[in-house]
């Protein structure tokens, strides 16, 4: 059972469920906010088959609320989102024209400003991050080994103790540098070297500190450290990269994807 509605801005003919009468909804073509009228329920189907969900919020609440339901799946997304993070629906008409499809996943370039990074670049970026981490620890390991004797490493040797301290300094320096790059450039050291960058899946712009570090790194690391569950999660996280958009599980949960900016 549907109610036929015409968008006053673009003229698009839409339909809504009858229980949405009197509620607000967003036109999937132009983004205009309209009110579903309390009119007679129509059985006829509209030409383009667009559906949308309405919200029960009032005018005052709508003005302050920064999220709206996706016209395709109904999930709550950012009001200025260019695509839905849940179903991949492209909401920005400009991106639709560029991609030639209403689904983000149908194009490797996603209709955005840069193509999705391929498996090779994702692997090289991770490999580079691991290698850089090893480089930061080499001086400390060198002192630890130098402080050993014929019977192995002497834990009470001043040189070995200095090596341990140097390893800790190296880890802190590595952490600080990675944190700085993620917060300011949406890149880790490895991604900077291979010219890839972390983008927000909804806005198609460089992701911020929360998504780049807190969600992708911290939350992902905490889950991976859980006994028994962690190893399974880490394996699933890696396998998700073989999907069409090469988004690991931590990308899915953080609402990000990695682009090639070379």
Protein backbone atom coordinates (compact mmCIF):
# COMPACT_ATOMS: atom_id res chain seq x y z
CA UNK A 1 0.00 0.00 0.00
CA UNK A 2 1.56 3.26 -1.15
CA UNK A 3 1.02 6.99 -1.32
CA UNK A 4 2.15 8.77 -4.48
CA UNK A 5 4.19 11.93 -3.88
CA UNK A 6 5.69 14.44 -6.32
CA UNK A 7 8.86 16.28 -5.31
CA UNK A 8 8.28 20.03 -5.62
CA UNK A 9 11.94 20.71 -6.43
CA UNK A 10 12.79 18.24 -9.21
CA UNK A 11 9.35 16.86 -10.12
CA UNK A 12 10.32 13.26 -9.40
CA UNK A 13 7.33 11.01 -8.71
CA UNK A 14 7.91 8.89 -5.62
CA UNK A 15 5.91 6.57 -3.43
CA UNK A 16 5.85 5.98 0.31
CA UNK A 17 4.20 3.46 2.59
CA UNK A 18 0.77 4.53 3.82
CA UNK A 19 1.90 4.58 7.46
CA UNK A 20 4.39 7.33 6.57
CA UNK A 21 1.61 9.85 5.91
CA UNK A 22 2.40 13.15 7.61
CA UNK A 23 6.07 12.28 8.12
CA UNK A 24 9.18 13.75 6.49
CA UNK A 25 11.34 12.10 3.81
CA UNK A 26 14.22 12.92 1.48
CA UNK A 27 13.99 12.89 -2.31
CA UNK A 28 16.63 10.42 -3.58
CA UNK A 29 17.33 12.56 -6.67
CA UNK A 30 17.72 16.15 -5.44
CA UNK A 31 17.82 15.71 -1.64
CA UNK A 32 14.79 17.93 -1.06
CA UNK A 33 13.03 17.32 2.27
CA UNK A 34 9.32 16.84 1.73
CA UNK A 35 6.30 15.81 3.78
CA UNK A 36 4.28 12.73 2.81
CA UNK A 37 0.69 13.98 2.47
CA UNK A 38 -2.21 12.26 4.18
CA UNK A 39 -3.97 11.33 0.93
CA UNK A 40 -5.70 8.34 -0.58
CA UNK A 41 -3.49 5.27 -0.89
CA UNK A 42 -2.60 4.52 -4.50
CA UNK A 43 -1.98 1.06 -5.86
CA UNK A 44 -0.27 2.20 -9.07
CA UNK A 45 3.51 1.78 -9.31
CA UNK A 46 5.65 4.79 -10.17
CA UNK A 47 7.73 4.79 -13.34
CA UNK A 48 11.18 4.60 -11.79
CA UNK A 49 10.34 2.47 -8.77
CA UNK A 50 12.01 4.73 -6.21
CA UNK A 51 11.17 4.06 -2.58
CA UNK A 52 12.06 6.03 0.51
CA UNK A 53 11.50 5.87 4.21
CA UNK A 54 10.04 8.73 6.24
CA UNK A 55 11.02 9.89 9.68
CA UNK A 56 8.73 10.76 12.54
CA UNK A 57 10.78 13.77 13.65
CA UNK A 58 9.23 17.24 13.64
CA UNK A 59 10.46 20.34 11.85
CA UNK A 60 12.52 21.58 14.79
CA UNK A 61 14.23 18.24 15.31
CA UNK A 62 14.93 17.86 11.58
CA UNK A 63 16.82 21.14 11.55
CA UNK A 64 19.27 19.93 14.19
CA UNK A 65 19.49 16.27 13.27
CA UNK A 66 22.52 15.53 11.07
CA UNK A 67 21.35 12.08 9.96
CA UNK A 68 18.63 10.93 7.56
CA UNK A 69 17.41 7.51 6.38
CA UNK A 70 18.98 6.12 3.21
CA UNK A 71 16.34 6.15 0.44
CA UNK A 72 17.43 2.68 -0.66
CA UNK A 73 17.84 0.69 2.58
CA UNK A 74 16.41 2.98 5.28
CA UNK A 75 19.52 2.92 7.48
CA UNK A 76 20.49 6.18 9.22
CA UNK A 77 23.33 7.97 7.39
CA UNK A 78 24.86 11.46 7.44
CA UNK A 79 22.67 14.18 5.95
CA UNK A 80 25.49 15.25 3.62
CA UNK A 81 26.57 11.69 2.75
CA UNK A 82 27.40 11.15 -0.91
CA UNK A 83 26.76 7.43 -0.63
CA UNK A 84 25.30 5.01 1.91
CA UNK A 85 27.86 3.14 4.02
CA UNK A 86 25.44 0.25 4.48
CA UNK A 87 24.15 -0.56 0.97
CA UNK A 88 26.49 1.52 -1.23
CA UNK A 89 23.69 3.60 -2.80
CA UNK A 90 25.14 6.73 -4.47
CA UNK A 91 23.15 9.75 -3.28
CA UNK A 92 25.05 12.58 -4.96
CA UNK A 93 23.69 13.17 -8.50
CA UNK A 94 27.16 14.26 -9.63
CA UNK A 95 28.65 10.93 -8.59
CA UNK A 96 25.81 9.09 -10.32
CA UNK A 97 26.63 10.80 -13.58
CA UNK A 98 30.35 10.06 -13.21
CA UNK A 99 29.94 6.40 -12.31
CA UNK A 100 27.03 5.65 -14.62
CA UNK A 101 25.42 3.58 -11.87
CA UNK A 102 23.45 4.11 -8.69
CA UNK A 103 25.55 1.56 -6.84
CA UNK A 104 29.00 2.47 -5.60
CA UNK A 105 30.21 -1.11 -5.67
CA UNK A 106 29.59 -1.45 -9.40
CA UNK A 107 32.59 0.74 -10.28
CA UNK A 108 36.18 0.21 -9.22
CA UNK A 109 36.52 3.99 -9.28
CA UNK A 110 33.39 4.37 -7.13
CA UNK A 111 32.49 7.56 -9.01
CA UNK A 112 34.77 9.52 -6.68
CA UNK A 113 37.96 11.49 -7.17
CA UNK A 114 40.34 8.52 -6.89
CA UNK A 115 40.16 4.77 -7.62
CA UNK A 116 40.05 2.14 -4.90
CA UNK A 117 43.54 0.87 -4.09
CA UNK A 118 44.15 -2.59 -5.52
CA UNK A 119 45.35 -5.65 -3.62
CA UNK A 120 48.97 -5.07 -4.61
CA UNK A 121 49.11 -1.59 -3.12
CA UNK A 122 47.25 -2.65 0.01
CA UNK A 123 49.78 -5.46 0.54
CA UNK A 124 52.78 -3.22 -0.14
CA UNK A 125 51.46 -0.61 2.29
CA UNK A 126 51.11 -3.17 5.07
CA UNK A 127 54.54 -4.59 4.27
CA UNK A 128 56.07 -1.10 4.38
CA UNK A 129 54.47 -0.39 7.77
CA UNK A 130 55.94 -3.60 9.16
CA UNK A 131 59.39 -2.88 7.72
CA UNK A 132 59.41 0.69 9.10
CA UNK A 133 58.45 -0.65 12.53
CA UNK A 134 61.39 -3.05 12.38
CA UNK A 135 63.74 -0.20 11.43
CA UNK A 136 62.67 1.79 14.50
CA UNK A 137 63.60 -1.18 16.71
CA UNK A 138 66.95 -2.11 15.11
CA UNK A 139 69.13 0.21 17.28
CA UNK A 140 67.63 -1.15 20.50
CA UNK A 141 67.96 -4.76 19.40
CA UNK A 142 71.55 -4.08 18.41
CA UNK A 143 72.42 -2.90 21.92
CA UNK A 144 70.61 -5.84 23.52
CA UNK A 145 72.63 -8.29 21.44
CA UNK A 146 75.85 -6.35 22.08
CA UNK A 147 75.22 -6.60 25.83
CA UNK A 148 75.29 -10.36 25.72
CA UNK A 149 78.14 -12.68 26.36
CA UNK A 150 79.11 -16.22 25.50
CA UNK A 151 76.12 -17.57 27.43
CA UNK A 152 73.61 -15.30 25.71
CA UNK A 153 72.01 -11.98 26.59
CA UNK A 154 72.87 -10.67 30.03
CA UNK A 155 69.70 -9.03 31.32
CA UNK A 156 71.67 -7.14 33.99
CA UNK A 157 74.18 -5.72 31.53
CA UNK A 158 74.00 -1.89 31.31
CA UNK A 159 74.29 -2.14 27.53
CA UNK A 160 71.37 -4.61 27.33
CA UNK A 161 69.25 -2.41 29.63
CA UNK A 162 70.05 0.58 27.42
CA UNK A 163 68.95 -1.50 24.44
CA UNK A 164 65.58 -2.25 26.06
CA UNK A 165 65.08 1.44 26.82
CA UNK A 166 66.02 2.33 23.26
CA UNK A 167 63.44 -0.16 21.95
CA UNK A 168 60.78 1.52 24.06
CA UNK A 169 61.81 4.94 22.74
CA UNK A 170 61.67 3.57 19.19
CA UNK A 171 58.15 2.22 19.73
CA UNK A 172 56.97 5.56 21.15
CA UNK A 173 58.53 7.44 18.24
CA UNK A 174 56.90 5.07 15.75
CA UNK A 175 53.52 5.40 17.47
CA UNK A 176 53.77 9.20 17.50
CA UNK A 177 54.69 9.41 13.83
CA UNK A 178 51.91 7.03 12.77
CA UNK A 179 49.40 8.93 14.90
CA UNK A 180 50.46 12.25 13.38
CA UNK A 181 50.15 10.99 9.81
CA UNK A 182 46.77 9.38 10.41
CA UNK A 183 45.39 12.51 12.06
CA UNK A 184 46.74 15.02 9.52
CA UNK A 185 47.04 13.10 6.24
CA UNK A 186 44.72 10.08 6.65
CA UNK A 187 47.76 7.89 5.96
CA UNK A 188 50.08 5.56 7.83
CA UNK A 189 53.79 5.56 6.99
CA UNK A 190 53.28 2.62 4.64
CA UNK A 191 50.33 4.25 2.89
CA UNK A 192 52.33 7.45 2.50
CA UNK A 193 55.17 5.54 0.84
CA UNK A 194 52.94 3.65 -1.62
CA UNK A 195 50.67 6.68 -2.21
CA UNK A 196 47.38 5.44 -0.83
CA UNK A 197 45.03 7.24 1.56
CA UNK A 198 42.12 6.38 3.86
CA UNK A 199 38.80 7.87 2.72
CA UNK A 200 35.43 8.19 4.46
CA UNK A 201 33.03 5.81 2.72
CA UNK A 202 30.05 8.16 3.06
CA UNK A 203 31.53 11.55 2.18
CA UNK A 204 34.20 10.33 -0.29
CA UNK A 205 36.73 12.62 1.41
CA UNK A 206 39.86 11.89 3.53
CA UNK A 207 38.76 10.26 6.78
CA UNK A 208 39.33 12.04 10.09
CA UNK A 209 41.16 11.05 13.25
CA UNK A 210 38.23 9.10 14.73
CA UNK A 211 37.85 6.77 11.77
CA UNK A 212 41.53 6.56 10.81
CA UNK A 213 42.89 5.87 14.29
CA UNK A 214 40.25 5.16 16.92
CA UNK A 215 38.04 2.88 14.81
CA UNK A 216 40.49 1.37 12.32
CA UNK A 217 43.47 0.95 14.68
CA UNK A 218 42.39 0.98 18.33
CA UNK A 219 39.03 -0.83 18.11
CA UNK A 220 40.38 -3.29 15.56
CA UNK A 221 43.43 -3.97 17.75
CA UNK A 222 41.35 -4.50 20.90
CA UNK A 223 39.09 -7.02 19.16
CA UNK A 224 42.09 -8.80 17.69
CA UNK A 225 43.64 -9.13 21.16
CA UNK A 226 40.64 -10.99 22.62
CA UNK A 227 41.65 -14.63 23.39
CA UNK A 228 40.13 -17.24 21.03
CA UNK A 229 37.98 -14.67 19.21
CA UNK A 230 40.91 -12.46 18.20
CA UNK A 231 42.66 -14.88 15.81
CA UNK A 232 39.37 -15.67 14.05
CA UNK A 233 38.58 -11.97 13.73
CA UNK A 234 42.05 -11.18 12.38
CA UNK A 235 41.71 -13.88 9.73
CA UNK A 236 38.26 -12.63 8.70
CA UNK A 237 39.60 -9.08 8.64
CA UNK A 238 42.25 -10.08 6.09
CA UNK A 239 39.90 -12.17 3.94
CA UNK A 240 37.43 -9.30 3.53
CA UNK A 241 40.03 -7.50 1.40
CA UNK A 242 39.25 -9.87 -1.48
CA UNK A 243 35.82 -8.25 -1.87
CA UNK A 244 34.98 -6.06 -4.85
CA UNK A 245 36.04 -2.81 -3.15
CA UNK A 246 38.98 -4.35 -1.25
CA UNK A 247 37.60 -3.24 2.12
CA UNK A 248 38.92 -5.19 5.10
CA UNK A 249 36.62 -5.90 8.03
CA UNK A 250 38.07 -2.91 9.89
CA UNK A 251 37.19 -0.75 6.88
CA UNK A 252 33.63 -2.06 6.99
CA UNK A 253 33.21 -1.32 10.70
CA UNK A 254 34.92 2.09 10.55
CA UNK A 255 33.11 3.22 7.40
CA UNK A 256 36.30 3.75 5.39
CA UNK A 257 38.02 2.55 2.23
CA UNK A 258 41.54 3.00 0.83
CA UNK A 259 42.13 4.92 -2.42
CA UNK A 260 45.07 5.11 -4.81
CA UNK A 261 46.31 8.72 -5.03
CA UNK A 262 49.34 8.06 -7.23
